[in-house]
PDB file of N, CA and C in Angstrom:
ATOM      1  N   UNK A   1       0.850  -1.175   0.000  1.00  0.00           N
ATOM      2  CA  UNK A   1       0.000   0.000   0.000  1.00  0.00           C
ATOM      3  C   UNK A   1       0.890   1.232   0.000  1.00  0.00           C
ATOM      4  N   UNK A   2       0.613   2.198  -0.846  1.00  0.00           N
ATOM      5  CA  UNK A   2       1.422   3.406  -0.952  1.00  0.00           C
ATOM      6  C   UNK A   2       1.184   4.360   0.200  1.00  0.00           C
ATOM      7  N   UNK A   3       2.091   5.305   0.338  1.00  0.00           N
ATOM      8  CA  UNK A   3       1.959   6.297   1.400  1.00  0.00           C
ATOM      9  C   UNK A   3       1.003   7.389   0.953  1.00  0.00           C
ATOM     10  N   UNK A   4       0.187   7.841   1.876  1.00  0.00           N
ATOM     11  CA  UNK A   4      -0.754   8.899   1.593  1.00  0.00           C
ATOM     12  C   UNK A   4      -0.037  10.232   1.798  1.00  0.00           C
ATOM     13  N   UNK A   5       0.316  10.906   0.726  1.00  0.00           N
ATOM     14  CA  UNK A   5       1.082  12.148   0.828  1.00  0.00           C
ATOM     15  C   UNK A   5       0.236  13.299   1.359  1.00  0.00           C
ATOM     16  N   UNK A   6      -1.031  13.279   1.083  1.00  0.00           N
ATOM     17  CA  UNK A   6      -1.888  14.385   1.518  1.00  0.00           C
ATOM     18  C   UNK A   6      -2.125  14.367   3.017  1.00  0.00           C
ATOM     19  N   UNK A   7      -2.330  13.183   3.605  1.00  0.00           N
ATOM     20  CA  UNK A   7      -2.695  13.089   5.013  1.00  0.00           C
ATOM     21  C   UNK A   7      -1.612  12.462   5.877  1.00  0.00           C
ATOM     22  N   UNK A   8      -0.442  12.199   5.322  1.00  0.00           N
ATOM     23  CA  UNK A   8       0.665  11.689   6.130  1.00  0.00           C
ATOM     24  C   UNK A   8       0.430  10.284   6.627  1.00  0.00           C
ATOM     25  N   UNK A   9       0.536  10.083   7.920  1.00  0.00           N
ATOM     26  CA  UNK A   9       0.497   8.759   8.534  1.00  0.00           C
ATOM     27  C   UNK A   9      -0.901   8.290   8.934  1.00  0.00           C
ATOM     28  N   UNK A  10      -1.920   8.666   8.215  1.00  0.00           N
ATOM     29  CA  UNK A  10      -3.270   8.215   8.536  1.00  0.00           C
ATOM     30  C   UNK A  10      -3.385   6.741   8.168  1.00  0.00           C
ATOM     31  N   UNK A  11      -3.834   5.924   9.121  1.00  0.00           N
ATOM     32  CA  UNK A  11      -4.002   4.495   8.862  1.00  0.00           C
ATOM     33  C   UNK A  11      -5.475   4.185   8.639  1.00  0.00           C
ATOM     34  N   UNK A  12      -5.739   3.012   8.056  1.00  0.00           N
ATOM     35  CA  UNK A  12      -7.132   2.589   7.880  1.00  0.00           C
ATOM     36  C   UNK A  12      -7.804   2.424   9.220  1.00  0.00           C
ATOM     37  N   UNK A  13      -7.045   1.992  10.232  1.00  0.00           N
ATOM     38  CA  UNK A  13      -7.606   1.858  11.577  1.00  0.00           C
ATOM     39  C   UNK A  13      -8.093   3.211  12.091  1.00  0.00           C
ATOM     40  N   UNK A  14      -7.304   4.267  11.873  1.00  0.00           N
ATOM     41  CA  UNK A  14      -7.706   5.611  12.300  1.00  0.00           C
ATOM     42  C   UNK A  14      -8.919   6.101  11.513  1.00  0.00           C
ATOM     43  N   UNK A  15      -8.934   5.827  10.225  1.00  0.00           N
ATOM     44  CA  UNK A  15     -10.076   6.223   9.399  1.00  0.00           C
ATOM     45  C   UNK A  15     -11.341   5.506   9.860  1.00  0.00           C
ATOM     46  N   UNK A  16     -11.263   4.211  10.087  1.00  0.00           N
ATOM     47  CA  UNK A  16     -12.424   3.450  10.554  1.00  0.00           C
ATOM     48  C   UNK A  16     -12.888   3.918  11.924  1.00  0.00           C
ATOM     49  N   UNK A  17     -11.947   4.220  12.826  1.00  0.00           N
ATOM     50  CA  UNK A  17     -12.324   4.719  14.159  1.00  0.00           C
ATOM     51  C   UNK A  17     -13.088   6.027  14.027  1.00  0.00           C
ATOM     52  N   UNK A  18     -12.633   6.908  13.139  1.00  0.00           N
ATOM     53  CA  UNK A  18     -13.317   8.184  12.945  1.00  0.00           C
ATOM     54  C   UNK A  18     -14.714   7.980  12.365  1.00  0.00           C
ATOM     55  N   UNK A  19     -14.827   7.137  11.355  1.00  0.00           N
ATOM     56  CA  UNK A  19     -16.104   6.939  10.679  1.00  0.00           C
ATOM     57  C   UNK A  19     -17.138   6.237  11.540  1.00  0.00           C
ATOM     58  N   UNK A  20     -16.691   5.474  12.515  1.00  0.00           N
ATOM     59  CA  UNK A  20     -17.649   4.741  13.336  1.00  0.00           C
ATOM     60  C   UNK A  20     -17.931   5.424  14.662  1.00  0.00           C
ATOM     61  N   UNK A  21     -17.361   6.610  14.886  1.00  0.00           N
ATOM     62  CA  UNK A  21     -17.702   7.350  16.103  1.00  0.00           C
ATOM     63  C   UNK A  21     -19.175   7.712  16.040  1.00  0.00           C
ATOM     64  N   UNK A  22     -19.838   7.668  17.176  1.00  0.00           N
ATOM     65  CA  UNK A  22     -21.236   8.091  17.149  1.00  0.00           C
ATOM     66  C   UNK A  22     -21.346   9.576  16.794  1.00  0.00           C
ATOM     67  N   UNK A  23     -22.324   9.890  16.013  1.00  0.00           N
ATOM     68  CA  UNK A  23     -22.583  11.277  15.655  1.00  0.00           C
ATOM     69  C   UNK A  23     -23.910  11.690  16.268  1.00  0.00           C
ATOM     70  N   UNK A  24     -24.001  12.928  16.743  1.00  0.00           N
ATOM     71  CA  UNK A  24     -25.248  13.357  17.375  1.00  0.00           C
ATOM     72  C   UNK A  24     -26.380  13.445  16.356  1.00  0.00           C
ATOM     73  N   UNK A  25     -27.581  13.263  16.861  1.00  0.00           N
ATOM     74  CA  UNK A  25     -28.775  13.444  16.040  1.00  0.00           C
ATOM     75  C   UNK A  25     -29.193  14.896  16.196  1.00  0.00           C
ATOM     76  N   UNK A  26     -29.087  15.656  15.129  1.00  0.00           N
ATOM     77  CA  UNK A  26     -29.393  17.076  15.165  1.00  0.00           C
ATOM     78  C   UNK A  26     -30.807  17.307  14.628  1.00  0.00           C
ATOM     79  N   UNK A  27     -31.344  18.484  14.855  1.00  0.00           N
ATOM     80  CA  UNK A  27     -32.666  18.809  14.330  1.00  0.00           C
ATOM     81  C   UNK A  27     -32.618  18.806  12.797  1.00  0.00           C
ATOM     82  N   UNK A  28     -33.732  18.510  12.190  1.00  0.00           N
ATOM     83  CA  UNK A  28     -33.802  18.452  10.726  1.00  0.00           C
ATOM     84  C   UNK A  28     -33.852  19.866  10.142  1.00  0.00           C
ATOM     85  N   UNK A  29     -33.582  19.977   8.847  1.00  0.00           N
ATOM     86  CA  UNK A  29     -33.677  21.267   8.165  1.00  0.00           C
ATOM     87  C   UNK A  29     -35.083  21.849   8.292  1.00  0.00           C
ATOM     88  N   UNK A  30     -36.083  20.995   8.191  1.00  0.00           N
ATOM     89  CA  UNK A  30     -37.481  21.459   8.304  1.00  0.00           C
ATOM     90  C   UNK A  30     -37.748  22.027   9.701  1.00  0.00           C
ATOM     91  N   UNK A  31     -37.253  21.350  10.737  1.00  0.00           N
ATOM     92  CA  UNK A  31     -37.429  21.845  12.106  1.00  0.00           C
ATOM     93  C   UNK A  31     -36.718  23.189  12.292  1.00  0.00           C
ATOM     94  N   UNK A  32     -35.524  23.318  11.728  1.00  0.00           N
ATOM     95  CA  UNK A  32     -34.786  24.580  11.849  1.00  0.00           C
ATOM     96  C   UNK A  32     -35.478  25.709  11.098  1.00  0.00           C
ATOM     97  N   UNK A  33     -36.006  25.422   9.896  1.00  0.00           N
ATOM     98  CA  UNK A  33     -36.726  26.450   9.143  1.00  0.00           C
ATOM     99  C   UNK A  33     -37.958  26.922   9.911  1.00  0.00           C
ATOM    100  N   UNK A  34     -38.650  26.006  10.547  1.00  0.00           N
ATOM    101  CA  UNK A  34     -39.868  26.379  11.273  1.00  0.00           C
ATOM    102  C   UNK A  34     -39.558  27.199  12.521  1.00  0.00           C
ATOM    103  N   UNK A  35     -38.322  27.138  13.015  1.00  0.00           N
ATOM    104  CA  UNK A  35     -37.945  27.869  14.226  1.00  0.00           C
ATOM    105  C   UNK A  35     -37.608  29.327  13.947  1.00  0.00           C
ATOM    106  N   UNK A  36     -37.319  29.670  12.692  1.00  0.00           N
ATOM    107  CA  UNK A  36     -37.019  31.054  12.353  1.00  0.00           C
ATOM    108  C   UNK A  36     -35.537  31.391  12.459  1.00  0.00           C
ATOM    109  N   UNK A  37     -35.238  32.684  12.305  1.00  0.00           N
ATOM    110  CA  UNK A  37     -33.858  33.167  12.294  1.00  0.00           C
ATOM    111  C   UNK A  37     -33.210  33.017  13.670  1.00  0.00           C
ATOM    112  N   UNK A  38     -31.906  32.831  13.666  1.00  0.00           N
ATOM    113  CA  UNK A  38     -31.155  32.722  14.920  1.00  0.00           C
ATOM    114  C   UNK A  38     -30.161  33.864  15.026  1.00  0.00           C
ATOM    115  N   UNK A  39     -29.655  34.086  16.231  1.00  0.00           N
ATOM    116  CA  UNK A  39     -28.599  35.064  16.439  1.00  0.00           C
ATOM    117  C   UNK A  39     -27.362  34.341  16.952  1.00  0.00           C
ATOM    118  N   UNK A  40     -26.204  34.925  16.685  1.00  0.00           N
ATOM    119  CA  UNK A  40     -24.938  34.359  17.140  1.00  0.00           C
ATOM    120  C   UNK A  40     -24.353  35.279  18.201  1.00  0.00           C
ATOM    121  N   UNK A  41     -24.226  34.809  19.430  1.00  0.00           N
ATOM    122  CA  UNK A  41     -23.693  35.662  20.488  1.00  0.00           C
ATOM    123  C   UNK A  41     -22.211  35.972  20.256  1.00  0.00           C
ATOM    124  N   UNK A  42     -21.782  37.180  20.629  1.00  0.00           N
ATOM    125  CA  UNK A  42     -20.372  37.557  20.475  1.00  0.00           C
ATOM    126  C   UNK A  42     -19.473  36.672  21.333  1.00  0.00           C
ATOM    127  N   UNK A  43     -19.924  36.373  22.534  1.00  0.00           N
ATOM    128  CA  UNK A  43     -19.177  35.482  23.439  1.00  0.00           C
ATOM    129  C   UNK A  43     -20.079  34.288  23.730  1.00  0.00           C
ATOM    130  N   UNK A  44     -19.846  33.140  23.078  1.00  0.00           N
ATOM    131  CA  UNK A  44     -20.727  31.980  23.282  1.00  0.00           C
ATOM    132  C   UNK A  44     -20.808  31.573  24.756  1.00  0.00           C
ATOM    133  N   UNK A  45     -22.013  31.583  25.329  1.00  0.00           N
ATOM    134  CA  UNK A  45     -22.154  31.217  26.741  1.00  0.00           C
ATOM    135  C   UNK A  45     -21.961  29.718  26.976  1.00  0.00           C
ATOM    136  N   UNK A  46     -21.426  29.377  28.144  1.00  0.00           N
ATOM    137  CA  UNK A  46     -21.275  27.982  28.558  1.00  0.00           C
ATOM    138  C   UNK A  46     -22.651  27.471  28.983  1.00  0.00           C
ATOM    139  N   UNK A  47     -22.967  26.253  28.561  1.00  0.00           N
ATOM    140  CA  UNK A  47     -24.271  25.663  28.863  1.00  0.00           C
ATOM    141  C   UNK A  47     -24.126  24.166  29.097  1.00  0.00           C
ATOM    142  N   UNK A  48     -25.200  23.588  29.610  1.00  0.00           N
ATOM    143  CA  UNK A  48     -25.387  22.141  29.599  1.00  0.00           C
ATOM    144  C   UNK A  48     -26.538  21.887  28.632  1.00  0.00           C
ATOM    145  N   UNK A  49     -26.423  20.806  27.867  1.00  0.00           N
ATOM    146  CA  UNK A  49     -27.473  20.511  26.895  1.00  0.00           C
ATOM    147  C   UNK A  49     -27.641  19.010  26.759  1.00  0.00           C
ATOM    148  N   UNK A  50     -28.885  18.595  26.542  1.00  0.00           N
ATOM    149  CA  UNK A  50     -29.185  17.191  26.266  1.00  0.00           C
ATOM    150  C   UNK A  50     -29.079  16.987  24.766  1.00  0.00           C
ATOM    151  N   UNK A  51     -28.196  16.059  24.371  1.00  0.00           N
ATOM    152  CA  UNK A  51     -27.950  15.767  22.951  1.00  0.00           C
ATOM    153  C   UNK A  51     -28.292  14.303  22.696  1.00  0.00           C
ATOM    154  N   UNK A  52     -29.021  14.075  21.619  1.00  0.00           N
ATOM    155  CA  UNK A  52     -29.425  12.709  21.257  1.00  0.00           C
ATOM    156  C   UNK A  52     -28.381  12.059  20.368  1.00  0.00           C
ATOM    157  N   UNK A  53     -28.121  10.787  20.641  1.00  0.00           N
ATOM    158  CA  UNK A  53     -27.289   9.923  19.808  1.00  0.00           C
ATOM    159  C   UNK A  53     -28.142   8.715  19.445  1.00  0.00           C
ATOM    160  N   UNK A  54     -27.755   7.948  18.446  1.00  0.00           N
ATOM    161  CA  UNK A  54     -28.547   6.763  18.112  1.00  0.00           C
ATOM    162  C   UNK A  54     -28.714   5.805  19.299  1.00  0.00           C
ATOM    163  N   UNK A  55     -27.671   5.695  20.143  1.00  0.00           N
ATOM    164  CA  UNK A  55     -27.704   4.728  21.231  1.00  0.00           C
ATOM    165  C   UNK A  55     -28.290   5.284  22.530  1.00  0.00           C
ATOM    166  N   UNK A  56     -28.187   6.607  22.750  1.00  0.00           N
ATOM    167  CA  UNK A  56     -28.588   7.182  24.038  1.00  0.00           C
ATOM    168  C   UNK A  56     -28.700   8.693  23.918  1.00  0.00           C
ATOM    169  N   UNK A  57     -29.259   9.299  24.948  1.00  0.00           N
ATOM    170  CA  UNK A  57     -29.286  10.756  25.078  1.00  0.00           C
ATOM    171  C   UNK A  57     -28.346  11.101  26.221  1.00  0.00           C
ATOM    172  N   UNK A  58     -27.460  12.072  26.007  1.00  0.00           N
ATOM    173  CA  UNK A  58     -26.480  12.433  27.028  1.00  0.00           C
ATOM    174  C   UNK A  58     -26.514  13.929  27.287  1.00  0.00           C
ATOM    175  N   UNK A  59     -26.169  14.303  28.527  1.00  0.00           N
ATOM    176  CA  UNK A  59     -26.050  15.713  28.875  1.00  0.00           C
ATOM    177  C   UNK A  59     -24.585  16.115  28.702  1.00  0.00           C
ATOM    178  N   UNK A  60     -24.345  17.138  27.902  1.00  0.00           N
ATOM    179  CA  UNK A  60     -22.990  17.595  27.622  1.00  0.00           C
ATOM    180  C   UNK A  60     -22.805  19.010  28.145  1.00  0.00           C
ATOM    181  N   UNK A  61     -21.561  19.385  28.366  1.00  0.00           N
ATOM    182  CA  UNK A  61     -21.214  20.763  28.694  1.00  0.00           C
ATOM    183  C   UNK A  61     -20.574  21.367  27.472  1.00  0.00           C
ATOM    184  N   UNK A  62     -21.091  22.505  27.033  1.00  0.00           N
ATOM    185  CA  UNK A  62     -20.571  23.097  25.810  1.00  0.00           C
ATOM    186  C   UNK A  62     -20.838  24.571  25.718  1.00  0.00           C
ATOM    187  N   UNK A  63     -20.899  25.075  24.484  1.00  0.00           N
ATOM    188  CA  UNK A  63     -21.094  26.485  24.191  1.00  0.00           C
ATOM    189  C   UNK A  63     -22.229  26.639  23.183  1.00  0.00           C
ATOM    190  N   UNK A  64     -23.003  27.693  23.324  1.00  0.00           N
ATOM    191  CA  UNK A  64     -24.069  27.980  22.354  1.00  0.00           C
ATOM    192  C   UNK A  64     -23.503  28.908  21.286  1.00  0.00           C
ATOM    193  N   UNK A  65     -23.502  28.436  20.045  1.00  0.00           N
ATOM    194  CA  UNK A  65     -22.965  29.217  18.931  1.00  0.00           C
ATOM    195  C   UNK A  65     -24.030  30.050  18.223  1.00  0.00           C
ATOM    196  N   UNK A  66     -25.292  29.599  18.285  1.00  0.00           N
ATOM    197  CA  UNK A  66     -26.413  30.322  17.677  1.00  0.00           C
ATOM    198  C   UNK A  66     -27.680  29.861  18.385  1.00  0.00           C
ATOM    199  N   UNK A  67     -28.689  30.756  18.430  1.00  0.00           N
ATOM    200  CA  UNK A  67     -29.924  30.379  19.131  1.00  0.00           C
ATOM    201  C   UNK A  67     -31.052  31.336  18.783  1.00  0.00           C
ATOM    202  N   UNK A  68     -32.256  30.920  19.130  1.00  0.00           N
ATOM    203  CA  UNK A  68     -33.427  31.790  19.203  1.00  0.00           C
ATOM    204  C   UNK A  68     -34.294  31.232  20.319  1.00  0.00           C
ATOM    205  N   UNK A  69     -35.547  31.618  20.386  1.00  0.00           N
ATOM    206  CA  UNK A  69     -36.375  31.150  21.503  1.00  0.00           C
ATOM    207  C   UNK A  69     -36.756  29.673  21.401  1.00  0.00           C
ATOM    208  N   UNK A  70     -36.521  29.042  20.227  1.00  0.00           N
ATOM    209  CA  UNK A  70     -36.923  27.638  20.046  1.00  0.00           C
ATOM    210  C   UNK A  70     -35.777  26.650  19.883  1.00  0.00           C
ATOM    211  N   UNK A  71     -34.630  27.073  19.320  1.00  0.00           N
ATOM    212  CA  UNK A  71     -33.527  26.146  19.026  1.00  0.00           C
ATOM    213  C   UNK A  71     -32.187  26.740  19.462  1.00  0.00           C
ATOM    214  N   UNK A  72     -31.190  25.859  19.589  1.00  0.00           N
ATOM    215  CA  UNK A  72     -29.828  26.310  19.900  1.00  0.00           C
ATOM    216  C   UNK A  72     -28.827  25.381  19.217  1.00  0.00           C
ATOM    217  N   UNK A  73     -27.740  25.965  18.721  1.00  0.00           N
ATOM    218  CA  UNK A  73     -26.639  25.200  18.162  1.00  0.00           C
ATOM    219  C   UNK A  73     -25.580  25.083  19.251  1.00  0.00           C
ATOM    220  N   UNK A  74     -25.369  23.864  19.721  1.00  0.00           N
ATOM    221  CA  UNK A  74     -24.436  23.614  20.819  1.00  0.00           C
ATOM    222  C   UNK A  74     -23.184  22.935  20.277  1.00  0.00           C
ATOM    223  N   UNK A  75     -22.028  23.447  20.675  1.00  0.00           N
ATOM    224  CA  UNK A  75     -20.746  22.830  20.338  1.00  0.00           C
ATOM    225  C   UNK A  75     -20.120  22.352  21.635  1.00  0.00           C
ATOM    226  N   UNK A  76     -19.561  21.131  21.624  1.00  0.00           N
ATOM    227  CA  UNK A  76     -19.003  20.559  22.843  1.00  0.00           C
ATOM    228  C   UNK A  76     -17.821  19.672  22.501  1.00  0.00           C
ATOM    229  N   UNK A  77     -16.920  19.541  23.472  1.00  0.00           N
ATOM    230  CA  UNK A  77     -15.740  18.704  23.301  1.00  0.00           C
ATOM    231  C   UNK A  77     -16.109  17.240  23.504  1.00  0.00           C
ATOM    232  N   UNK A  78     -15.440  16.364  22.774  1.00  0.00           N
ATOM    233  CA  UNK A  78     -15.673  14.930  22.913  1.00  0.00           C
ATOM    234  C   UNK A  78     -14.405  14.244  23.400  1.00  0.00           C
ATOM    235  N   UNK A  79     -14.605  13.143  24.077  1.00  0.00           N
ATOM    236  CA  UNK A  79     -13.499  12.360  24.601  1.00  0.00           C
ATOM    237  C   UNK A  79     -12.572  11.942  23.470  1.00  0.00           C
ATOM    238  N   UNK A  80     -11.282  12.085  23.679  1.00  0.00           N
ATOM    239  CA  UNK A  80     -10.324  11.727  22.647  1.00  0.00           C
ATOM    240  C   UNK A  80      -9.953  12.891  21.755  1.00  0.00           C
ATOM    241  N   UNK A  81     -10.492  14.063  22.025  1.00  0.00           N
ATOM    242  CA  UNK A  81     -10.167  15.248  21.234  1.00  0.00           C
ATOM    243  C   UNK A  81     -11.232  15.562  20.202  1.00  0.00           C
ATOM    244  N   UNK A  82     -11.262  16.775  19.790  1.00  0.00           N
ATOM    245  CA  UNK A  82     -12.227  17.220  18.793  1.00  0.00           C
ATOM    246  C   UNK A  82     -13.496  17.763  19.415  1.00  0.00           C
ATOM    247  N   UNK A  83     -14.376  18.252  18.572  1.00  0.00           N
ATOM    248  CA  UNK A  83     -15.654  18.794  19.006  1.00  0.00           C
ATOM    249  C   UNK A  83     -16.764  18.247  18.124  1.00  0.00           C
ATOM    250  N   UNK A  84     -17.962  18.340  18.636  1.00  0.00           N
ATOM    251  CA  UNK A  84     -19.150  18.029  17.845  1.00  0.00           C
ATOM    252  C   UNK A  84     -20.131  19.172  18.018  1.00  0.00           C
ATOM    253  N   UNK A  85     -21.034  19.291  17.058  1.00  0.00           N
ATOM    254  CA  UNK A  85     -22.085  20.306  17.099  1.00  0.00           C
ATOM    255  C   UNK A  85     -23.420  19.631  16.834  1.00  0.00           C
ATOM    256  N   UNK A  86     -24.444  20.150  17.500  1.00  0.00           N
ATOM    257  CA  UNK A  86     -25.792  19.632  17.261  1.00  0.00           C
ATOM    258  C   UNK A  86     -26.800  20.745  17.504  1.00  0.00           C
ATOM    259  N   UNK A  87     -27.787  20.813  16.614  1.00  0.00           N
ATOM    260  CA  UNK A  87     -28.934  21.684  16.857  1.00  0.00           C
ATOM    261  C   UNK A  87     -29.887  20.933  17.775  1.00  0.00           C
ATOM    262  N   UNK A  88     -30.305  21.585  18.844  1.00  0.00           N
ATOM    263  CA  UNK A  88     -31.237  20.981  19.802  1.00  0.00           C
ATOM    264  C   UNK A  88     -32.360  21.965  20.086  1.00  0.00           C
ATOM    265  N   UNK A  89     -33.458  21.454  20.636  1.00  0.00           N
ATOM    266  CA  UNK A  89     -34.534  22.331  21.070  1.00  0.00           C
ATOM    267  C   UNK A  89     -34.048  23.162  22.249  1.00  0.00           C
ATOM    268  N   UNK A  90     -34.446  24.399  22.311  1.00  0.00           N
ATOM    269  CA  UNK A  90     -33.985  25.333  23.347  1.00  0.00           C
ATOM    270  C   UNK A  90     -34.285  24.803  24.749  1.00  0.00           C
ATOM    271  N   UNK A  91     -35.369  24.075  24.909  1.00  0.00           N
ATOM    272  CA  UNK A  91     -35.728  23.531  26.227  1.00  0.00           C
ATOM    273  C   UNK A  91     -34.740  22.465  26.703  1.00  0.00           C
ATOM    274  N   UNK A  92     -33.864  21.979  25.820  1.00  0.00           N
ATOM    275  CA  UNK A  92     -32.852  20.983  26.203  1.00  0.00           C
ATOM    276  C   UNK A  92     -31.583  21.644  26.727  1.00  0.00           C
ATOM    277  N   UNK A  93     -31.556  22.982  26.782  1.00  0.00           N
ATOM    278  CA  UNK A  93     -30.355  23.731  27.154  1.00  0.00           C
ATOM    279  C   UNK A  93     -30.582  24.474  28.467  1.00  0.00           C
ATOM    280  N   UNK A  94     -29.603  24.376  29.371  1.00  0.00           N
ATOM    281  CA  UNK A  94     -29.658  25.115  30.638  1.00  0.00           C
ATOM    282  C   UNK A  94     -28.299  25.713  30.943  1.00  0.00           C
ATOM    283  N   UNK A  95     -28.284  26.716  31.806  1.00  0.00           N
ATOM    284  CA  UNK A  95     -27.017  27.266  32.284  1.00  0.00           C
ATOM    285  C   UNK A  95     -26.470  26.331  33.350  1.00  0.00           C
ATOM    286  N   UNK A  96     -25.151  26.106  33.365  1.00  0.00           N
ATOM    287  CA  UNK A  96     -24.597  25.256  34.426  1.00  0.00           C
ATOM    288  C   UNK A  96     -24.745  25.935  35.776  1.00  0.00           C
ATOM    289  N   UNK A  97     -24.953  25.150  36.808  1.00  0.00           N
ATOM    290  CA  UNK A  97     -25.068  25.709  38.160  1.00  0.00           C
ATOM    291  C   UNK A  97     -23.703  26.107  38.680  1.00  0.00           C
ATOM    292  N   UNK A  98     -23.671  27.219  39.372  1.00  0.00           N
ATOM    293  CA  UNK A  98     -22.426  27.668  39.993  1.00  0.00           C
ATOM    294  C   UNK A  98     -22.158  26.846  41.244  1.00  0.00           C
ATOM    295  N   UNK A  99     -20.901  26.545  41.491  1.00  0.00           N
ATOM    296  CA  UNK A  99     -20.542  25.802  42.710  1.00  0.00           C
ATOM    297  C   UNK A  99     -20.775  26.700  43.923  1.00  0.00           C
ATOM    298  N   UNK A 100     -21.356  26.147  45.014  1.00  0.00           N
ATOM    299  CA  UNK A 100     -21.638  26.972  46.201  1.00  0.00           C
ATOM    300  C   UNK A 100     -20.382  27.423  46.904  1.00  0.00           C
TER     301      UNK A 100
END
């Protein structure tokens, strides 16, 4: 097998690991259109959000990149490095509680 000059030392094992990572289930284009225009905050606030995956729903800590009264685009870090983004219903998003 030849060396991949564009991507360096990427192995098939690494490619398969990336492709089989769970991806969040985001809102559909139709759901986003029905929610209307969103705004992008200058300083994305830290939030907790419930994000759906095919196997489970998990609460993540992340940042809101865009929102309106019905939806929010949440970006969050994932184990092993990298980030994921998902559009969720606004009711799935809360501010993290401050430590007493």
